[in-house]
């Protein structure tokens, strides 16, 4: 009878492994679009303050937006992308600019 109790509790010396996987969160592109009203200086300021770009990178992105019609200014997780896009849009509206920023899946 003692042997029956040992078998019902599992086989001694065998370890179980559990595998867990985590999905990588989806990334989102923040795209800034050109318009005829928002000043280039303001776009550079937003890129520096909201999107934390260097002056050189902000200037390069601003020129891409101006000449190409739009440019990806950052790739983030959903929450960060929405937060930065909203903050930049609010800043633009406070200054009277119609700057358009979209967030799209990568």
N, C-alpha and C. Protein backbone atom coordinates (compact mmCIF):
# COMPACT_ATOMS: atom_id res chain seq x y z
N UNK A 1 0.81 -1.18 0.00
CA UNK A 1 0.00 0.00 0.00
C UNK A 1 0.86 1.25 0.00
N UNK A 2 2.01 1.20 0.58
CA UNK A 2 2.88 2.36 0.63
C UNK A 2 3.31 2.76 -0.78
N UNK A 3 3.49 1.79 -1.66
CA UNK A 3 3.88 2.10 -3.03
C UNK A 3 2.78 2.84 -3.79
N UNK A 4 1.54 2.53 -3.55
CA UNK A 4 0.44 3.20 -4.22
C UNK A 4 0.41 4.69 -3.89
N UNK A 5 0.70 5.07 -2.65
CA UNK A 5 0.73 6.48 -2.26
C UNK A 5 1.83 7.24 -2.99
N UNK A 6 3.00 6.62 -3.15
CA UNK A 6 4.10 7.30 -3.84
C UNK A 6 3.77 7.54 -5.31
N UNK A 7 3.15 6.61 -5.97
CA UNK A 7 2.83 6.75 -7.37
C UNK A 7 1.76 7.81 -7.60
N UNK A 8 0.81 7.94 -6.70
CA UNK A 8 -0.25 8.92 -6.90
C UNK A 8 0.23 10.35 -6.68
N UNK A 9 1.36 10.53 -6.02
CA UNK A 9 1.90 11.88 -5.77
C UNK A 9 2.83 12.34 -6.90
N UNK A 10 3.07 11.53 -7.89
CA UNK A 10 3.97 11.90 -8.99
C UNK A 10 5.25 11.11 -8.90
N UNK A 11 6.00 11.09 -9.95
CA UNK A 11 7.24 10.34 -9.99
C UNK A 11 8.35 11.20 -9.42
N UNK A 12 9.03 10.69 -8.36
CA UNK A 12 10.11 11.48 -7.78
C UNK A 12 11.28 11.62 -8.75
N UNK A 13 11.95 12.75 -8.71
CA UNK A 13 13.13 12.99 -9.53
C UNK A 13 12.84 13.57 -10.92
N UNK A 14 11.57 13.73 -11.31
CA UNK A 14 11.23 14.30 -12.60
C UNK A 14 10.74 15.73 -12.37
N UNK A 15 11.38 16.66 -13.06
CA UNK A 15 11.01 18.07 -12.91
C UNK A 15 10.13 18.48 -14.08
N UNK A 16 9.16 19.33 -13.80
CA UNK A 16 8.30 19.84 -14.85
C UNK A 16 8.79 21.21 -15.28
N UNK A 17 8.74 21.47 -16.57
CA UNK A 17 9.09 22.78 -17.08
C UNK A 17 7.83 23.45 -17.61
N UNK A 18 7.74 24.73 -17.32
CA UNK A 18 6.62 25.51 -17.82
C UNK A 18 7.18 26.57 -18.76
N UNK A 19 6.63 26.64 -19.95
CA UNK A 19 7.08 27.64 -20.91
C UNK A 19 6.06 28.77 -20.95
N UNK A 20 6.57 29.97 -20.85
CA UNK A 20 5.70 31.13 -20.99
C UNK A 20 6.26 31.99 -22.11
N UNK A 21 5.37 32.51 -22.90
CA UNK A 21 5.79 33.40 -23.97
C UNK A 21 5.05 34.72 -23.81
N UNK A 22 5.74 35.77 -24.15
CA UNK A 22 5.11 37.08 -24.12
C UNK A 22 5.17 37.67 -25.52
N UNK A 23 4.09 38.26 -25.93
CA UNK A 23 4.05 38.89 -27.24
C UNK A 23 4.70 40.26 -27.16
N UNK A 24 5.43 40.60 -28.19
CA UNK A 24 6.02 41.93 -28.28
C UNK A 24 4.89 42.90 -28.62
N UNK A 25 4.79 44.00 -27.86
CA UNK A 25 3.71 44.95 -28.14
C UNK A 25 3.83 45.54 -29.55
N UNK A 26 2.70 45.77 -30.14
CA UNK A 26 2.67 46.35 -31.48
C UNK A 26 3.19 47.78 -31.43
N UNK A 27 3.89 48.20 -32.46
CA UNK A 27 4.47 49.55 -32.52
C UNK A 27 3.63 50.41 -33.47
N UNK A 28 3.67 51.72 -33.20
CA UNK A 28 2.87 52.66 -33.99
C UNK A 28 3.74 53.82 -34.46
N UNK A 29 3.52 54.21 -35.71
CA UNK A 29 4.24 55.35 -36.29
C UNK A 29 3.46 56.63 -36.02
N UNK A 30 4.18 57.66 -35.61
CA UNK A 30 3.59 58.99 -35.49
C UNK A 30 4.02 59.75 -36.73
N UNK A 31 3.03 60.20 -37.51
CA UNK A 31 3.30 60.88 -38.78
C UNK A 31 2.85 62.33 -38.68
N UNK A 32 3.74 63.23 -39.02
CA UNK A 32 3.42 64.66 -39.04
C UNK A 32 3.22 65.06 -40.50
N UNK A 33 2.14 65.82 -40.76
CA UNK A 33 1.77 66.20 -42.13
C UNK A 33 2.02 67.68 -42.36
N UNK A 34 2.37 68.01 -43.59
CA UNK A 34 2.63 69.38 -43.98
C UNK A 34 1.32 70.16 -44.14
N UNK A 35 1.37 71.44 -43.84
CA UNK A 35 0.26 72.35 -44.14
C UNK A 35 0.85 73.69 -44.52
N UNK A 36 0.01 74.60 -45.00
CA UNK A 36 0.50 75.89 -45.48
C UNK A 36 0.52 76.97 -44.41
N UNK A 37 0.16 76.62 -43.16
CA UNK A 37 0.04 77.64 -42.11
C UNK A 37 1.10 77.47 -41.01
N UNK A 38 1.32 76.25 -40.57
CA UNK A 38 2.25 76.00 -39.46
C UNK A 38 3.67 76.38 -39.88
N UNK A 39 4.33 77.17 -39.05
CA UNK A 39 5.68 77.63 -39.40
C UNK A 39 6.71 76.52 -39.22
N UNK A 40 7.76 76.62 -39.99
CA UNK A 40 8.85 75.64 -39.90
C UNK A 40 9.50 75.68 -38.52
N UNK A 41 9.66 76.88 -37.97
CA UNK A 41 10.25 77.03 -36.65
C UNK A 41 9.41 76.32 -35.58
N UNK A 42 8.08 76.42 -35.71
CA UNK A 42 7.21 75.77 -34.73
C UNK A 42 7.32 74.25 -34.84
N UNK A 43 7.39 73.73 -36.06
CA UNK A 43 7.53 72.29 -36.25
C UNK A 43 8.83 71.79 -35.61
N UNK A 44 9.91 72.52 -35.82
CA UNK A 44 11.19 72.16 -35.20
C UNK A 44 11.06 72.17 -33.68
N UNK A 45 10.41 73.19 -33.14
CA UNK A 45 10.22 73.29 -31.68
C UNK A 45 9.44 72.09 -31.14
N UNK A 46 8.37 71.71 -31.82
CA UNK A 46 7.56 70.56 -31.39
C UNK A 46 8.39 69.28 -31.46
N UNK A 47 9.14 69.11 -32.52
CA UNK A 47 9.97 67.92 -32.65
C UNK A 47 11.02 67.84 -31.55
N UNK A 48 11.55 68.98 -31.15
CA UNK A 48 12.55 69.00 -30.08
C UNK A 48 11.92 68.76 -28.71
N UNK A 49 10.82 69.43 -28.43
CA UNK A 49 10.25 69.38 -27.08
C UNK A 49 9.35 68.18 -26.84
N UNK A 50 8.52 67.84 -27.79
CA UNK A 50 7.56 66.74 -27.59
C UNK A 50 8.17 65.40 -27.99
N UNK A 51 8.88 65.38 -29.11
CA UNK A 51 9.42 64.13 -29.63
C UNK A 51 10.88 63.91 -29.28
N UNK A 52 11.48 64.86 -28.54
CA UNK A 52 12.84 64.76 -28.01
C UNK A 52 13.90 64.51 -29.08
N UNK A 53 13.79 65.25 -30.17
CA UNK A 53 14.76 65.16 -31.25
C UNK A 53 15.83 66.24 -31.06
N UNK A 54 17.03 65.98 -31.54
CA UNK A 54 18.07 67.00 -31.52
C UNK A 54 17.69 68.07 -32.54
N UNK A 55 18.32 69.23 -32.44
CA UNK A 55 18.04 70.31 -33.37
C UNK A 55 18.31 69.87 -34.82
N UNK A 56 19.40 69.17 -35.03
CA UNK A 56 19.75 68.71 -36.39
C UNK A 56 18.71 67.73 -36.91
N UNK A 57 18.32 66.77 -36.07
CA UNK A 57 17.33 65.78 -36.51
C UNK A 57 15.97 66.43 -36.73
N UNK A 58 15.60 67.35 -35.85
CA UNK A 58 14.32 68.05 -35.98
C UNK A 58 14.28 68.86 -37.28
N UNK A 59 15.38 69.50 -37.60
CA UNK A 59 15.45 70.30 -38.83
C UNK A 59 15.34 69.40 -40.06
N UNK A 60 16.03 68.28 -40.04
CA UNK A 60 15.96 67.32 -41.15
C UNK A 60 14.53 66.80 -41.33
N UNK A 61 13.87 66.43 -40.23
CA UNK A 61 12.49 65.95 -40.30
C UNK A 61 11.55 67.04 -40.81
N UNK A 62 11.74 68.25 -40.34
CA UNK A 62 10.89 69.37 -40.77
C UNK A 62 11.00 69.56 -42.29
N UNK A 63 12.22 69.46 -42.82
CA UNK A 63 12.41 69.60 -44.26
C UNK A 63 11.76 68.44 -45.03
N UNK A 64 11.83 67.23 -44.46
CA UNK A 64 11.15 66.08 -45.08
C UNK A 64 9.64 66.30 -45.11
N UNK A 65 9.10 66.81 -44.02
CA UNK A 65 7.67 67.10 -43.96
C UNK A 65 7.30 68.16 -44.99
N UNK A 66 8.10 69.20 -45.06
CA UNK A 66 7.83 70.33 -45.96
C UNK A 66 7.90 69.92 -47.42
N UNK A 67 8.92 69.17 -47.78
CA UNK A 67 9.10 68.80 -49.19
C UNK A 67 8.32 67.56 -49.60
N UNK A 68 8.15 66.61 -48.69
CA UNK A 68 7.49 65.36 -49.04
C UNK A 68 6.03 65.26 -48.65
N UNK A 69 5.55 66.22 -47.88
CA UNK A 69 4.15 66.21 -47.47
C UNK A 69 3.91 65.57 -46.12
N UNK A 70 4.80 64.67 -45.70
CA UNK A 70 4.68 64.07 -44.38
C UNK A 70 5.96 63.32 -44.06
N UNK A 71 6.13 62.98 -42.79
CA UNK A 71 7.29 62.19 -42.37
C UNK A 71 6.96 61.49 -41.06
N UNK A 72 7.55 60.32 -40.88
CA UNK A 72 7.42 59.60 -39.61
C UNK A 72 8.37 60.28 -38.63
N UNK A 73 7.82 60.77 -37.52
CA UNK A 73 8.64 61.49 -36.54
C UNK A 73 8.97 60.63 -35.33
N UNK A 74 8.41 59.43 -35.27
CA UNK A 74 8.73 58.52 -34.18
C UNK A 74 7.94 57.23 -34.28
N UNK A 75 8.49 56.18 -33.69
CA UNK A 75 7.80 54.88 -33.62
C UNK A 75 7.81 54.47 -32.15
N UNK A 76 6.60 54.26 -31.61
CA UNK A 76 6.43 54.02 -30.18
C UNK A 76 5.38 52.95 -29.93
N UNK A 77 5.25 52.56 -28.65
CA UNK A 77 4.11 51.74 -28.26
C UNK A 77 2.86 52.62 -28.39
N UNK A 78 1.70 52.00 -28.40
CA UNK A 78 0.45 52.73 -28.66
C UNK A 78 0.25 53.90 -27.69
N UNK A 79 0.39 53.64 -26.40
CA UNK A 79 0.14 54.68 -25.40
C UNK A 79 1.07 55.88 -25.58
N UNK A 80 2.33 55.62 -25.81
CA UNK A 80 3.29 56.71 -25.97
C UNK A 80 3.01 57.47 -27.27
N UNK A 81 2.71 56.75 -28.35
CA UNK A 81 2.41 57.39 -29.63
C UNK A 81 1.21 58.33 -29.51
N UNK A 82 0.14 57.85 -28.88
CA UNK A 82 -1.07 58.67 -28.72
C UNK A 82 -0.79 59.87 -27.82
N UNK A 83 -0.06 59.66 -26.75
CA UNK A 83 0.25 60.74 -25.81
C UNK A 83 1.06 61.84 -26.49
N UNK A 84 2.10 61.46 -27.22
CA UNK A 84 2.94 62.47 -27.87
C UNK A 84 2.20 63.19 -29.00
N UNK A 85 1.41 62.45 -29.76
CA UNK A 85 0.64 63.07 -30.84
C UNK A 85 -0.38 64.06 -30.25
N UNK A 86 -1.03 63.68 -29.17
CA UNK A 86 -2.01 64.57 -28.52
C UNK A 86 -1.35 65.81 -27.95
N UNK A 87 -0.21 65.62 -27.31
CA UNK A 87 0.51 66.76 -26.72
C UNK A 87 0.94 67.75 -27.81
N UNK A 88 1.46 67.23 -28.92
CA UNK A 88 1.89 68.09 -30.03
C UNK A 88 0.70 68.81 -30.66
N UNK A 89 -0.41 68.11 -30.81
CA UNK A 89 -1.61 68.73 -31.38
C UNK A 89 -2.15 69.83 -30.47
N UNK A 90 -2.18 69.57 -29.17
CA UNK A 90 -2.63 70.60 -28.22
C UNK A 90 -1.73 71.82 -28.25
N UNK A 91 -0.44 71.58 -28.33
CA UNK A 91 0.52 72.69 -28.40
C UNK A 91 0.28 73.52 -29.68
N UNK A 92 0.03 72.83 -30.79
CA UNK A 92 -0.22 73.53 -32.06
C UNK A 92 -1.51 74.34 -31.99
N UNK A 93 -2.55 73.76 -31.43
CA UNK A 93 -3.84 74.47 -31.33
C UNK A 93 -3.72 75.70 -30.42
N UNK A 94 -2.94 75.57 -29.37
CA UNK A 94 -2.74 76.70 -28.45
C UNK A 94 -2.04 77.87 -29.15
N UNK A 95 -1.24 77.56 -30.17
CA UNK A 95 -0.54 78.59 -30.94
C UNK A 95 -1.31 79.00 -32.20
N UNK A 96 -2.46 78.35 -32.43
CA UNK A 96 -3.28 78.69 -33.59
C UNK A 96 -2.88 78.01 -34.88
N UNK A 97 -2.13 76.91 -34.79
CA UNK A 97 -1.69 76.20 -35.99
C UNK A 97 -2.55 74.95 -36.21
N UNK A 98 -2.84 74.63 -37.49
CA UNK A 98 -3.64 73.45 -37.81
C UNK A 98 -2.82 72.17 -38.02
N UNK A 99 -1.67 72.09 -37.41
CA UNK A 99 -0.76 70.96 -37.59
C UNK A 99 -1.52 69.64 -37.44
N UNK A 100 -1.35 68.75 -38.41
CA UNK A 100 -2.04 67.45 -38.37
C UNK A 100 -1.02 66.35 -38.12
N UNK A 101 -1.34 65.52 -37.10
CA UNK A 101 -0.48 64.41 -36.72
C UNK A 101 -1.36 63.17 -36.66
N UNK A 102 -0.90 62.09 -37.28
CA UNK A 102 -1.65 60.84 -37.24
C UNK A 102 -0.81 59.75 -36.60
N UNK A 103 -1.50 58.74 -36.09
CA UNK A 103 -0.85 57.57 -35.49
C UNK A 103 -1.36 56.36 -36.26
N UNK A 104 -0.42 55.56 -36.78
CA UNK A 104 -0.81 54.40 -37.56
C UNK A 104 0.04 53.19 -37.19
N UNK A 105 -0.52 52.00 -37.30
CA UNK A 105 0.25 50.80 -36.96
C UNK A 105 1.45 50.63 -37.89
N UNK A 106 2.51 50.09 -37.34
CA UNK A 106 3.73 49.86 -38.12
C UNK A 106 3.56 48.61 -38.96
